[in-house]
């Protein structure tokens, strides 16, 4: 009986923090990927070099991979941070994260653990949803007239 009471007490205390935690996770991962996209965009010659000689993106020509990869890092994080089409965008960023790890062998030596953590955060948001602090929720309320 006392275990149930303790569990219930902690559940009641921590449940209100879920939307905030999901928001922090979304914004954190979005910021990481957006920064990476900005670096690629600002150093385009280096980006093209990396995609031609370092990254090994499967199935795509390196030029197309450079454009698509940079665009993904600049566009998807905005959707994720705002919580707009949150689940599909976090899944897309999750897949992008997998491709990044698979395409760049040096990540296995450095940065692999970071990508695992970002992937877990993205999966949590994809499965649990973005919480109620997101544009999807606001737009749904606006459309139904409850806001």
N, C-alpha and C. Protein backbone atom coordinates (compact mmCIF):
# COMPACT_ATOMS: atom_id res chain seq x y z
N UNK A 1 0.81 -1.20 0.00
CA UNK A 1 0.00 0.00 0.00
C UNK A 1 0.86 1.27 0.00
N UNK A 2 1.88 1.30 0.86
CA UNK A 2 2.72 2.50 0.94
C UNK A 2 3.52 2.72 -0.34
N UNK A 3 3.88 1.63 -1.06
CA UNK A 3 4.59 1.79 -2.34
C UNK A 3 3.70 2.47 -3.38
N UNK A 4 2.45 2.08 -3.38
CA UNK A 4 1.50 2.70 -4.30
C UNK A 4 1.34 4.17 -3.98
N UNK A 5 1.27 4.52 -2.73
CA UNK A 5 1.13 5.92 -2.31
C UNK A 5 2.34 6.73 -2.73
N UNK A 6 3.53 6.18 -2.51
CA UNK A 6 4.76 6.89 -2.90
C UNK A 6 4.80 7.08 -4.41
N UNK A 7 4.49 6.02 -5.16
CA UNK A 7 4.49 6.09 -6.61
C UNK A 7 3.47 7.13 -7.10
N UNK A 8 2.29 7.12 -6.53
CA UNK A 8 1.25 8.07 -6.91
C UNK A 8 1.68 9.51 -6.61
N UNK A 9 2.31 9.72 -5.48
CA UNK A 9 2.78 11.05 -5.11
C UNK A 9 3.81 11.57 -6.10
N UNK A 10 4.78 10.73 -6.45
CA UNK A 10 5.80 11.14 -7.41
C UNK A 10 5.19 11.37 -8.79
N UNK A 11 4.27 10.52 -9.19
CA UNK A 11 3.61 10.68 -10.49
C UNK A 11 2.88 12.01 -10.55
N UNK A 12 2.12 12.33 -9.50
CA UNK A 12 1.40 13.61 -9.46
C UNK A 12 2.35 14.79 -9.48
N UNK A 13 3.48 14.67 -8.82
CA UNK A 13 4.44 15.78 -8.75
C UNK A 13 5.19 15.98 -10.06
N UNK A 14 5.50 14.90 -10.75
CA UNK A 14 6.35 15.01 -11.94
C UNK A 14 5.59 15.13 -13.26
N UNK A 15 4.37 14.65 -13.31
CA UNK A 15 3.60 14.69 -14.56
C UNK A 15 3.47 16.09 -15.15
N UNK A 16 3.23 17.12 -14.34
CA UNK A 16 3.12 18.47 -14.92
C UNK A 16 4.41 18.95 -15.61
N UNK A 17 5.54 18.32 -15.31
CA UNK A 17 6.81 18.72 -15.91
C UNK A 17 7.01 18.14 -17.31
N UNK A 18 6.19 17.17 -17.71
CA UNK A 18 6.37 16.51 -19.00
C UNK A 18 6.36 17.48 -20.19
N UNK A 19 5.37 18.39 -20.29
CA UNK A 19 5.38 19.30 -21.44
C UNK A 19 6.64 20.17 -21.50
N UNK A 20 7.10 20.61 -20.33
CA UNK A 20 8.31 21.43 -20.28
C UNK A 20 9.53 20.61 -20.71
N UNK A 21 9.63 19.38 -20.23
CA UNK A 21 10.74 18.52 -20.61
C UNK A 21 10.73 18.23 -22.11
N UNK A 22 9.56 17.96 -22.67
CA UNK A 22 9.46 17.72 -24.12
C UNK A 22 9.85 18.97 -24.90
N UNK A 23 9.45 20.14 -24.42
CA UNK A 23 9.82 21.39 -25.08
C UNK A 23 11.33 21.60 -25.03
N UNK A 24 11.92 21.42 -23.86
CA UNK A 24 13.38 21.59 -23.71
C UNK A 24 14.12 20.61 -24.63
N UNK A 25 13.67 19.37 -24.67
CA UNK A 25 14.30 18.38 -25.55
C UNK A 25 14.20 18.77 -27.01
N UNK A 26 13.01 19.20 -27.43
CA UNK A 26 12.82 19.63 -28.82
C UNK A 26 13.73 20.79 -29.18
N UNK A 27 13.74 21.80 -28.33
CA UNK A 27 14.52 23.01 -28.63
C UNK A 27 16.02 22.70 -28.60
N UNK A 28 16.45 21.88 -27.65
CA UNK A 28 17.87 21.52 -27.56
C UNK A 28 18.34 20.81 -28.82
N UNK A 29 17.65 19.77 -29.23
CA UNK A 29 18.06 19.02 -30.42
C UNK A 29 17.94 19.89 -31.67
N UNK A 30 16.89 20.67 -31.75
CA UNK A 30 16.72 21.56 -32.90
C UNK A 30 17.88 22.54 -33.00
N UNK A 31 18.29 23.10 -31.88
CA UNK A 31 19.39 24.07 -31.86
C UNK A 31 20.69 23.41 -32.35
N UNK A 32 20.96 22.20 -31.90
CA UNK A 32 22.18 21.49 -32.30
C UNK A 32 22.21 21.31 -33.82
N UNK A 33 21.13 20.78 -34.37
CA UNK A 33 21.11 20.52 -35.81
C UNK A 33 21.08 21.82 -36.62
N UNK A 34 20.35 22.83 -36.14
CA UNK A 34 20.29 24.10 -36.85
C UNK A 34 21.68 24.76 -36.90
N UNK A 35 22.40 24.71 -35.79
CA UNK A 35 23.77 25.26 -35.77
C UNK A 35 24.65 24.55 -36.79
N UNK A 36 24.53 23.24 -36.86
CA UNK A 36 25.31 22.48 -37.83
C UNK A 36 24.97 22.90 -39.26
N UNK A 37 23.68 23.12 -39.52
CA UNK A 37 23.27 23.59 -40.84
C UNK A 37 23.81 24.97 -41.16
N UNK A 38 23.83 25.85 -40.17
CA UNK A 38 24.39 27.19 -40.37
C UNK A 38 25.87 27.13 -40.71
N UNK A 39 26.60 26.27 -40.01
CA UNK A 39 28.03 26.12 -40.29
C UNK A 39 28.24 25.62 -41.71
N UNK A 40 27.43 24.65 -42.12
CA UNK A 40 27.55 24.14 -43.50
C UNK A 40 27.26 25.24 -44.51
N UNK A 41 26.20 26.02 -44.26
CA UNK A 41 25.81 27.08 -45.17
C UNK A 41 26.87 28.18 -45.24
N UNK A 42 27.42 28.56 -44.09
CA UNK A 42 28.39 29.65 -44.04
C UNK A 42 29.75 29.25 -44.61
N UNK A 43 30.04 27.97 -44.64
CA UNK A 43 31.31 27.48 -45.17
C UNK A 43 31.03 26.50 -46.32
N UNK A 44 30.36 27.00 -47.34
CA UNK A 44 29.84 26.14 -48.39
C UNK A 44 30.94 25.37 -49.12
N UNK A 45 32.08 25.99 -49.38
CA UNK A 45 33.17 25.28 -50.05
C UNK A 45 33.65 24.09 -49.21
N UNK A 46 33.76 24.30 -47.91
CA UNK A 46 34.14 23.20 -47.02
C UNK A 46 33.07 22.12 -46.99
N UNK A 47 31.83 22.55 -47.01
CA UNK A 47 30.72 21.59 -47.01
C UNK A 47 30.78 20.71 -48.25
N UNK A 48 30.99 21.34 -49.39
CA UNK A 48 31.07 20.56 -50.63
C UNK A 48 32.26 19.59 -50.59
N UNK A 49 33.38 20.05 -50.06
CA UNK A 49 34.54 19.18 -49.93
C UNK A 49 34.22 17.97 -49.04
N UNK A 50 33.60 18.25 -47.89
CA UNK A 50 33.26 17.16 -46.97
C UNK A 50 32.32 16.14 -47.60
N UNK A 51 31.32 16.62 -48.31
CA UNK A 51 30.38 15.69 -48.94
C UNK A 51 31.02 14.92 -50.09
N UNK A 52 31.99 15.53 -50.76
CA UNK A 52 32.65 14.82 -51.86
C UNK A 52 33.66 13.80 -51.36
N UNK A 53 34.43 14.15 -50.32
CA UNK A 53 35.55 13.29 -49.93
C UNK A 53 35.43 12.62 -48.56
N UNK A 54 34.66 13.16 -47.64
CA UNK A 54 34.59 12.61 -46.29
C UNK A 54 33.31 11.84 -46.02
N UNK A 55 32.18 12.50 -46.25
CA UNK A 55 30.90 11.85 -45.97
C UNK A 55 30.64 10.80 -47.04
N UNK A 56 30.01 9.74 -46.66
CA UNK A 56 29.71 8.66 -47.60
C UNK A 56 28.20 8.41 -47.59
N UNK A 57 27.45 9.38 -48.07
CA UNK A 57 25.99 9.29 -48.08
C UNK A 57 25.58 8.26 -49.13
N UNK A 58 24.82 7.25 -48.71
CA UNK A 58 24.42 6.21 -49.66
C UNK A 58 23.33 6.70 -50.62
N UNK A 59 23.38 6.20 -51.84
CA UNK A 59 22.33 6.36 -52.86
C UNK A 59 22.20 7.75 -53.49
N UNK A 60 22.91 8.73 -52.99
CA UNK A 60 22.78 10.09 -53.53
C UNK A 60 24.11 10.60 -54.04
N UNK A 61 24.10 11.33 -55.15
CA UNK A 61 25.32 12.02 -55.57
C UNK A 61 25.73 13.01 -54.48
N UNK A 62 27.02 13.21 -54.31
CA UNK A 62 27.50 14.03 -53.21
C UNK A 62 26.98 15.46 -53.25
N UNK A 63 26.82 16.05 -54.47
CA UNK A 63 26.31 17.42 -54.56
C UNK A 63 24.87 17.51 -54.03
N UNK A 64 24.04 16.56 -54.44
CA UNK A 64 22.66 16.54 -53.98
C UNK A 64 22.61 16.28 -52.47
N UNK A 65 23.45 15.39 -51.99
CA UNK A 65 23.51 15.11 -50.56
C UNK A 65 23.89 16.36 -49.78
N UNK A 66 24.80 17.16 -50.31
CA UNK A 66 25.22 18.40 -49.64
C UNK A 66 24.05 19.37 -49.53
N UNK A 67 23.33 19.56 -50.61
CA UNK A 67 22.19 20.48 -50.59
C UNK A 67 21.08 19.96 -49.69
N UNK A 68 20.73 18.69 -49.84
CA UNK A 68 19.65 18.12 -49.04
C UNK A 68 20.00 18.07 -47.56
N UNK A 69 21.25 17.69 -47.25
CA UNK A 69 21.68 17.62 -45.86
C UNK A 69 21.66 18.98 -45.19
N UNK A 70 22.16 19.98 -45.89
CA UNK A 70 22.17 21.34 -45.33
C UNK A 70 20.75 21.86 -45.17
N UNK A 71 19.92 21.64 -46.19
CA UNK A 71 18.52 22.07 -46.10
C UNK A 71 17.81 21.38 -44.94
N UNK A 72 18.04 20.09 -44.78
CA UNK A 72 17.40 19.34 -43.69
C UNK A 72 17.81 19.92 -42.33
N UNK A 73 19.09 20.27 -42.19
CA UNK A 73 19.57 20.80 -40.91
C UNK A 73 19.08 22.22 -40.64
N UNK A 74 18.69 22.93 -41.69
CA UNK A 74 18.18 24.29 -41.50
C UNK A 74 16.65 24.34 -41.39
N UNK A 75 15.96 23.41 -42.01
CA UNK A 75 14.49 23.46 -42.05
C UNK A 75 13.84 22.58 -40.97
N UNK A 76 14.25 21.33 -40.90
CA UNK A 76 13.61 20.41 -39.94
C UNK A 76 13.68 20.91 -38.50
N UNK A 77 14.81 21.44 -38.04
CA UNK A 77 14.87 21.91 -36.64
C UNK A 77 13.88 23.03 -36.32
N UNK A 78 13.57 23.86 -37.29
CA UNK A 78 12.61 24.94 -37.05
C UNK A 78 11.24 24.33 -36.74
N UNK A 79 10.83 23.36 -37.55
CA UNK A 79 9.56 22.68 -37.32
C UNK A 79 9.56 21.96 -35.96
N UNK A 80 10.67 21.29 -35.65
CA UNK A 80 10.78 20.54 -34.39
C UNK A 80 10.69 21.49 -33.20
N UNK A 81 11.44 22.59 -33.22
CA UNK A 81 11.44 23.53 -32.10
C UNK A 81 10.06 24.15 -31.89
N UNK A 82 9.40 24.51 -32.98
CA UNK A 82 8.09 25.12 -32.86
C UNK A 82 6.99 24.11 -32.56
N UNK A 83 7.26 22.85 -32.82
CA UNK A 83 6.24 21.83 -32.62
C UNK A 83 5.20 21.88 -33.72
N UNK A 84 5.63 22.19 -34.93
CA UNK A 84 4.74 22.25 -36.09
C UNK A 84 4.95 20.96 -36.89
N UNK A 85 3.89 20.19 -37.07
CA UNK A 85 4.01 18.84 -37.65
C UNK A 85 5.06 18.06 -36.85
N UNK A 86 4.94 18.17 -35.55
CA UNK A 86 6.00 17.74 -34.64
C UNK A 86 6.42 16.29 -34.81
N UNK A 87 5.47 15.38 -34.85
CA UNK A 87 5.86 13.96 -34.93
C UNK A 87 6.52 13.61 -36.25
N UNK A 88 5.96 13.99 -37.40
CA UNK A 88 6.67 13.64 -38.64
C UNK A 88 8.02 14.34 -38.77
N UNK A 89 8.12 15.56 -38.28
CA UNK A 89 9.39 16.29 -38.40
C UNK A 89 10.46 15.71 -37.47
N UNK A 90 10.06 15.29 -36.27
CA UNK A 90 11.05 14.67 -35.39
C UNK A 90 11.47 13.31 -35.94
N UNK A 91 10.55 12.58 -36.55
CA UNK A 91 10.93 11.32 -37.20
C UNK A 91 11.88 11.56 -38.37
N UNK A 92 11.60 12.61 -39.15
CA UNK A 92 12.49 12.94 -40.27
C UNK A 92 13.88 13.31 -39.76
N UNK A 93 13.94 14.09 -38.69
CA UNK A 93 15.24 14.47 -38.13
C UNK A 93 15.92 13.26 -37.50
N UNK A 94 15.15 12.34 -36.95
CA UNK A 94 15.71 11.10 -36.42
C UNK A 94 16.38 10.29 -37.54
N UNK A 95 15.70 10.15 -38.67
CA UNK A 95 16.27 9.42 -39.81
C UNK A 95 17.51 10.15 -40.33
N UNK A 96 17.43 11.48 -40.41
CA UNK A 96 18.59 12.27 -40.83
C UNK A 96 19.78 12.00 -39.90
N UNK A 97 19.52 11.93 -38.62
CA UNK A 97 20.57 11.66 -37.63
C UNK A 97 21.21 10.30 -37.90
N UNK A 98 20.40 9.30 -38.19
CA UNK A 98 20.94 7.96 -38.51
C UNK A 98 21.82 8.02 -39.76
N UNK A 99 21.34 8.71 -40.78
CA UNK A 99 22.12 8.83 -42.03
C UNK A 99 23.44 9.55 -41.75
N UNK A 100 23.40 10.57 -40.91
CA UNK A 100 24.63 11.30 -40.58
C UNK A 100 25.65 10.38 -39.93
N UNK A 101 25.20 9.58 -38.99
CA UNK A 101 26.11 8.66 -38.30
C UNK A 101 26.64 7.60 -39.26
N UNK A 102 25.77 7.07 -40.08
CA UNK A 102 26.18 6.02 -41.03
C UNK A 102 27.09 6.56 -42.12
N UNK A 103 26.96 7.83 -42.45
CA UNK A 103 27.70 8.41 -43.57
C UNK A 103 29.07 8.97 -43.20
N UNK A 104 29.32 9.14 -41.95
CA UNK A 104 30.56 9.80 -41.54
C UNK A 104 31.30 8.94 -40.54
N UNK A 105 32.24 8.14 -41.01
CA UNK A 105 32.93 7.18 -40.13
C UNK A 105 33.63 7.82 -38.92
N UNK A 106 34.07 9.07 -39.03
CA UNK A 106 34.74 9.71 -37.90
C UNK A 106 33.81 9.90 -36.70
N UNK A 107 32.50 9.92 -36.94
CA UNK A 107 31.56 10.05 -35.83
C UNK A 107 31.60 8.85 -34.89
N UNK A 108 32.07 7.71 -35.41
CA UNK A 108 32.14 6.53 -34.56
C UNK A 108 33.22 6.71 -33.51
N UNK A 109 34.20 7.57 -33.80
CA UNK A 109 35.27 7.84 -32.83
C UNK A 109 34.91 9.00 -31.91
N UNK A 110 34.32 10.04 -32.49
CA UNK A 110 33.95 11.22 -31.70
C UNK A 110 32.53 11.63 -32.08
N UNK A 111 31.74 11.89 -31.12
CA UNK A 111 30.41 12.41 -31.39
C UNK A 111 29.31 11.35 -31.48
N UNK A 112 29.68 10.09 -31.47
CA UNK A 112 28.68 9.02 -31.59
C UNK A 112 27.70 9.06 -30.42
N UNK A 113 28.22 9.23 -29.22
CA UNK A 113 27.35 9.26 -28.04
C UNK A 113 26.37 10.43 -28.10
N UNK A 114 26.82 11.57 -28.62
CA UNK A 114 25.93 12.71 -28.78
C UNK A 114 24.78 12.37 -29.72
N UNK A 115 25.11 11.74 -30.84
CA UNK A 115 24.07 11.38 -31.81
C UNK A 115 23.09 10.36 -31.24
N UNK A 116 23.58 9.47 -30.40
CA UNK A 116 22.69 8.51 -29.73
C UNK A 116 21.72 9.28 -28.82
N UNK A 117 22.24 10.22 -28.03
CA UNK A 117 21.39 11.00 -27.13
C UNK A 117 20.36 11.81 -27.92
N UNK A 118 20.79 12.47 -29.00
CA UNK A 118 19.86 13.25 -29.81
C UNK A 118 18.79 12.34 -30.42
N UNK A 119 19.21 11.16 -30.87
CA UNK A 119 18.26 10.21 -31.44
C UNK A 119 17.22 9.77 -30.42
N UNK A 120 17.65 9.53 -29.20
CA UNK A 120 16.71 9.12 -28.14
C UNK A 120 15.72 10.25 -27.86
N UNK A 121 16.20 11.48 -27.78
CA UNK A 121 15.31 12.62 -27.54
C UNK A 121 14.29 12.73 -28.67
N UNK A 122 14.76 12.59 -29.90
CA UNK A 122 13.86 12.68 -31.05
C UNK A 122 12.83 11.55 -31.03
N UNK A 123 13.25 10.36 -30.66
CA UNK A 123 12.30 9.24 -30.57
C UNK A 123 11.27 9.47 -29.47
N UNK A 124 11.70 9.98 -28.34
CA UNK A 124 10.77 10.26 -27.25
C UNK A 124 9.70 11.24 -27.71
N UNK A 125 10.11 12.30 -28.38
CA UNK A 125 9.14 13.29 -28.86
C UNK A 125 8.24 12.67 -29.94
N UNK A 126 8.82 11.85 -30.81
CA UNK A 126 8.03 11.20 -31.85
C UNK A 126 6.96 10.28 -31.27
N UNK A 127 7.32 9.52 -30.25
CA UNK A 127 6.40 8.54 -29.67
C UNK A 127 5.43 9.18 -28.70
N UNK A 128 5.92 10.01 -27.78
CA UNK A 128 5.06 10.64 -26.78
C UNK A 128 4.34 11.86 -27.31
N UNK A 129 4.85 12.44 -28.37
CA UNK A 129 4.31 13.69 -28.88
C UNK A 129 5.07 14.86 -28.27
N UNK A 130 4.83 16.04 -28.78
CA UNK A 130 5.59 17.21 -28.35
C UNK A 130 5.12 17.85 -27.05
N UNK A 131 4.11 17.26 -26.40
CA UNK A 131 3.54 17.92 -25.22
C UNK A 131 2.54 18.97 -25.69
N UNK A 132 1.97 19.71 -24.76
CA UNK A 132 0.97 20.70 -25.16
C UNK A 132 1.58 22.04 -25.53
N UNK A 133 2.89 22.22 -25.31
CA UNK A 133 3.57 23.48 -25.67
C UNK A 133 4.11 23.39 -27.09
N UNK A 134 3.21 23.53 -28.08
CA UNK A 134 3.63 23.42 -29.48
C UNK A 134 2.61 24.10 -30.38
N UNK A 135 3.03 24.39 -31.59
CA UNK A 135 2.13 25.06 -32.55
C UNK A 135 1.02 24.14 -33.03
N UNK A 136 1.29 22.84 -33.14
CA UNK A 136 0.23 21.91 -33.56
C UNK A 136 -0.97 22.03 -32.62
N UNK A 137 -0.71 22.03 -31.33
CA UNK A 137 -1.77 22.13 -30.33
C UNK A 137 -2.48 23.48 -30.43
N UNK A 138 -1.72 24.54 -30.56
CA UNK A 138 -2.30 25.88 -30.65
C UNK A 138 -3.18 26.00 -31.89
N UNK A 139 -2.68 25.50 -33.04
CA UNK A 139 -3.46 25.57 -34.28
C UNK A 139 -4.74 24.73 -34.19
N UNK A 140 -4.66 23.57 -33.55
CA UNK A 140 -5.85 22.72 -33.39
C UNK A 140 -6.89 23.42 -32.53
N UNK A 141 -6.44 24.07 -31.44
CA UNK A 141 -7.38 24.80 -30.59
C UNK A 141 -7.99 25.98 -31.34
N UNK A 142 -7.18 26.67 -32.11
CA UNK A 142 -7.63 27.82 -32.88
C UNK A 142 -8.68 27.39 -33.90
N UNK A 143 -8.42 26.26 -34.56
CA UNK A 143 -9.32 25.76 -35.59
C UNK A 143 -10.66 25.29 -34.99
N UNK A 144 -10.60 24.71 -33.81
CA UNK A 144 -11.84 24.22 -33.18
C UNK A 144 -12.59 25.33 -32.46
N UNK A 145 -11.98 26.49 -32.35
CA UNK A 145 -12.62 27.63 -31.72
C UNK A 145 -12.59 27.61 -30.20
N UNK A 146 -11.72 26.76 -29.62
CA UNK A 146 -11.65 26.70 -28.16
C UNK A 146 -10.59 27.63 -27.59
N UNK A 147 -9.95 28.39 -28.44
CA UNK A 147 -8.90 29.31 -27.96
C UNK A 147 -9.36 30.72 -27.95
